[in-house]
Amino acid sequence: MRYLVRGKVIEGKSAALLEAIESGELGRGSIAHQTFLKCMKKARLTEQGQVRWLEVCYCREAFGPGYELYEELPYWEAYFEELDVRFARKPEDCEGYPVCGDCDCTEKLEAKLEKLGVPFFRHLKETVSSPEAST
């Protein structure tokens, strides 16, 4: 399943998030560890300060209300607030694992998301390295 994840960086957590991404520690301990890093490098920042990214979950148990990215959420909650996880495409249109690995819908959705806002990772690096950075 593909999910659209939205959230705002918790005030004061920007530097820690950047360090976690650059060091590769973000999501360490999760089976989706490498996905976390990929997601942050492709995430977009909207004018309203919301970070948006797509995430693929291969867990068969993850289907159904309340199960969206349940294994991943504690890792994201360390850095983001106001998290909102939604299906990026209708569940009935997704064949799920293992077909997800060969499906082109992620590329299409990422291309659409790429038109939104600015690259989050670049913005995060610029903000944290700036002398005026307060978060």
Protein backbone atom coordinates (compact mmCIF):
# COMPACT_ATOMS: atom_id res chain seq x y z
CA MET A 1 0.00 0.00 0.00
CA ARG A 2 1.05 3.54 -0.64
CA TYR A 3 0.45 6.16 1.99
CA LEU A 4 0.61 9.93 1.88
CA VAL A 5 2.10 11.09 5.17
CA ARG A 6 1.83 14.68 6.35
CA GLY A 7 3.27 16.32 9.43
CA LYS A 8 5.10 19.30 10.85
CA VAL A 9 8.57 19.12 12.34
CA ILE A 10 8.34 19.50 16.11
CA GLU A 11 9.82 22.80 17.20
CA GLY A 12 13.42 22.27 18.29
CA LYS A 13 13.75 18.93 16.45
CA SER A 14 15.06 20.11 13.06
CA ALA A 15 18.76 19.64 13.88
CA ALA A 16 18.15 16.22 15.42
CA LEU A 17 16.11 15.15 12.40
CA LEU A 18 18.81 16.32 10.00
CA GLU A 19 21.47 14.46 11.99
CA ALA A 20 19.33 11.31 12.02
CA ILE A 21 18.88 11.47 8.25
CA GLU A 22 22.51 12.27 7.43
CA SER A 23 23.90 9.66 9.82
CA GLY A 24 21.45 7.02 8.63
CA GLU A 25 20.03 6.58 12.12
CA LEU A 26 16.49 7.62 11.22
CA GLY A 27 14.30 4.56 11.60
CA ARG A 28 17.15 2.33 12.80
CA GLY A 29 15.55 -0.75 14.33
CA SER A 30 12.64 -0.75 11.90
CA ILE A 31 12.36 -3.14 9.02
CA ALA A 32 11.57 -0.02 6.95
CA HIS A 33 14.78 1.78 8.00
CA GLN A 34 16.05 2.42 4.46
CA THR A 35 12.60 3.57 3.40
CA PHE A 36 12.63 6.25 6.11
CA LEU A 37 15.79 7.77 4.65
CA LYS A 38 14.47 7.60 1.10
CA CYS A 39 11.19 9.20 2.16
CA MET A 40 12.88 12.16 3.82
CA LYS A 41 15.10 12.79 0.83
CA LYS A 42 12.05 12.87 -1.45
CA ALA A 43 9.71 14.71 0.94
CA ARG A 44 8.29 18.10 0.08
CA LEU A 45 7.69 21.14 2.28
CA THR A 46 4.53 23.15 1.63
CA GLU A 47 4.17 26.89 2.14
CA GLN A 48 2.19 26.11 5.30
CA GLY A 49 5.19 24.31 6.80
CA GLN A 50 3.75 20.86 6.31
CA VAL A 51 6.09 18.06 5.23
CA ARG A 52 4.59 15.51 2.85
CA TRP A 53 5.98 12.23 1.63
CA LEU A 54 4.90 8.93 0.17
CA GLU A 55 5.62 5.72 1.94
CA VAL A 56 5.13 2.15 0.82
CA CYS A 57 4.18 -0.47 3.39
CA TYR A 58 4.44 -4.14 2.53
CA CYS A 59 2.86 -5.43 5.76
CA ARG A 60 -0.15 -7.58 5.01
CA GLU A 61 -1.53 -6.81 8.49
CA ALA A 62 -1.41 -3.09 7.81
CA PHE A 63 -4.63 -3.04 5.82
CA GLY A 64 -7.66 -1.54 7.48
CA PRO A 65 -8.51 1.59 9.43
CA GLY A 66 -6.14 2.31 12.28
CA TYR A 67 -3.32 0.15 10.96
CA GLU A 68 -1.77 2.65 8.55
CA LEU A 69 2.00 2.54 9.14
CA TYR A 70 1.50 1.51 12.78
CA GLU A 71 5.02 0.05 12.99
CA GLU A 72 6.60 3.19 11.54
CA LEU A 73 4.67 5.86 13.45
CA PRO A 74 6.73 5.82 16.68
CA TYR A 75 9.84 6.68 14.64
CA TRP A 76 8.09 9.55 12.87
CA GLU A 77 6.49 10.82 16.09
CA ALA A 78 9.96 11.50 17.49
CA TYR A 79 10.35 14.34 14.96
CA PHE A 80 6.89 15.22 13.63
CA GLU A 81 3.62 16.42 15.10
CA GLU A 82 0.17 16.67 13.57
CA LEU A 83 0.90 13.46 11.67
CA ASP A 84 -1.75 12.44 9.20
CA VAL A 85 -1.51 9.16 7.28
CA ARG A 86 -3.83 8.50 4.37
CA PHE A 87 -4.07 5.95 1.63
CA ALA A 88 -2.32 7.40 -1.42
CA ARG A 89 -4.52 5.27 -3.59
CA LYS A 90 -7.70 3.37 -2.94
CA PRO A 91 -6.95 0.07 -1.16
CA GLU A 92 -9.21 -1.82 -3.55
CA ASP A 93 -7.02 -0.61 -6.45
CA CYS A 94 -3.82 -1.88 -4.84
CA GLU A 95 -2.82 -5.51 -5.18
CA GLY A 96 -0.46 -5.24 -2.22
CA TYR A 97 2.69 -7.21 -1.56
CA PRO A 98 4.54 -8.56 -3.53
CA VAL A 99 3.04 -6.72 -6.51
CA CYS A 100 3.86 -3.34 -4.88
CA GLY A 101 7.50 -3.87 -5.69
CA ASP A 102 6.75 -3.83 -9.42
CA CYS A 103 3.91 -1.30 -9.47
CA ASP A 104 4.48 2.05 -11.16
CA CYS A 105 1.96 3.95 -9.04
CA THR A 106 4.66 5.17 -6.64
CA GLU A 107 6.54 6.87 -9.46
CA LYS A 108 3.35 8.54 -10.66
CA LEU A 109 2.44 9.72 -7.17
CA GLU A 110 5.98 10.96 -6.46
CA ALA A 111 5.95 12.93 -9.73
CA LYS A 112 2.71 14.59 -8.64
CA LEU A 113 4.08 15.33 -5.17
CA GLU A 114 7.29 16.72 -6.66
CA LYS A 115 5.32 19.67 -8.03
CA LEU A 116 4.31 20.69 -4.51
CA GLY A 117 6.32 23.13 -2.41
CA VAL A 118 10.09 22.77 -2.13
CA PRO A 119 12.40 19.81 -1.39
CA PHE A 120 12.19 19.29 2.37
CA PHE A 121 15.65 17.78 2.87
CA ARG A 122 17.37 20.67 1.12
CA HIS A 123 15.31 23.16 3.13
CA LEU A 124 16.12 21.32 6.36
CA LYS A 125 19.86 21.43 5.62
CA GLU A 126 19.75 25.13 4.77
CA THR A 127 17.68 25.97 7.83
CA VAL A 128 19.78 24.02 10.31
CA SER A 129 23.08 25.31 8.92
CA SER A 130 21.85 28.91 9.01
CA PRO A 131 23.12 31.01 11.96
CA GLU A 132 19.55 32.14 12.60
CA ALA A 133 18.29 28.56 12.94
CA SER A 134 16.25 28.23 16.08
CA THR A 135 14.71 24.79 15.56
